[in-house]
Structure formats: C-alpha cells, structure tokens
C-alpha cells in the first residue's frame, strides 16, 4: 500500500493491492461443491480457457 502523490495535500489517494483470496464458510452445506469449483478454477484447463 502506498500513497498517491498530488499537488493538493488535502486531496490525496491511496493505492492498495490486495492478494487474490477465496474464502469459504467452514460450516457451508456445499463444501464438496466449493472444493470442486476451486479445483477446476485453478486447473490447467481453466487457465488455458481464460487465456484463449
């Protein structure tokens, strides 16, 4: 995270890069479906499709 410089000290911004994260509620009724989705999402097949 770092400040964005500017000419007006009263009007400035902030740049924040958050790491990509996936969160799943531990008591979800669909844990197996979530695991299957994430397994596909990070697979070579999904990566090649998104890069096409």
Protein backbone atom coordinates (compact mmCIF):
# COMPACT_ATOMS: atom_id res chain seq x y z
CA UNK A 1 0.00 0.00 0.00
CA UNK A 2 1.29 3.44 -0.78
CA UNK A 3 0.06 6.99 -1.05
CA UNK A 4 -0.65 8.59 -4.39
CA UNK A 5 1.19 11.93 -4.64
CA UNK A 6 -0.58 15.03 -5.87
CA UNK A 7 -0.48 18.82 -5.88
CA UNK A 8 -3.13 19.29 -3.17
CA UNK A 9 -2.20 17.89 0.28
CA UNK A 10 -5.88 17.92 1.29
CA UNK A 11 -6.93 15.79 -1.69
CA UNK A 12 -4.83 12.66 -1.99
CA UNK A 13 -5.40 8.99 -2.66
CA UNK A 14 -4.19 5.59 -1.64
CA UNK A 15 -3.33 2.58 -3.75
CA UNK A 16 -3.91 -0.82 -2.21
CA UNK A 17 -3.26 -4.17 -3.85
CA UNK A 18 -4.96 -7.00 -2.06
CA UNK A 19 -3.82 -10.54 -2.74
CA UNK A 20 -6.34 -12.73 -4.53
CA UNK A 21 -8.18 -14.81 -1.96
CA UNK A 22 -11.08 -17.19 -1.80
CA UNK A 23 -12.95 -17.69 1.43
CA UNK A 24 -15.40 -20.45 2.21
CA UNK A 25 -17.51 -20.67 5.32
CA UNK A 26 -16.36 -23.74 7.23
CA UNK A 27 -19.95 -24.75 8.01
CA UNK A 28 -21.23 -24.39 4.44
CA UNK A 29 -23.67 -27.05 3.27
CA UNK A 30 -21.86 -27.14 -0.08
CA UNK A 31 -18.23 -27.76 0.88
CA UNK A 32 -17.80 -30.52 -1.73
CA UNK A 33 -19.21 -28.29 -4.49
CA UNK A 34 -16.93 -25.42 -3.44
CA UNK A 35 -13.90 -27.71 -3.44
CA UNK A 36 -14.81 -28.98 -6.91
CA UNK A 37 -15.25 -25.44 -8.20
CA UNK A 38 -11.92 -24.26 -6.78
CA UNK A 39 -10.16 -27.34 -8.10
CA UNK A 40 -11.45 -26.51 -11.58
CA UNK A 41 -10.82 -22.76 -11.21
CA UNK A 42 -7.13 -23.35 -10.54
CA UNK A 43 -6.74 -26.16 -13.07
CA UNK A 44 -4.68 -26.02 -16.25
CA UNK A 45 -7.90 -26.40 -18.26
CA UNK A 46 -9.49 -23.28 -16.73
CA UNK A 47 -6.27 -21.31 -17.08
CA UNK A 48 -5.95 -22.16 -20.76
CA UNK A 49 -9.61 -21.23 -21.37
CA UNK A 50 -9.23 -17.84 -19.72
CA UNK A 51 -6.09 -17.09 -21.72
CA UNK A 52 -7.67 -18.02 -25.07
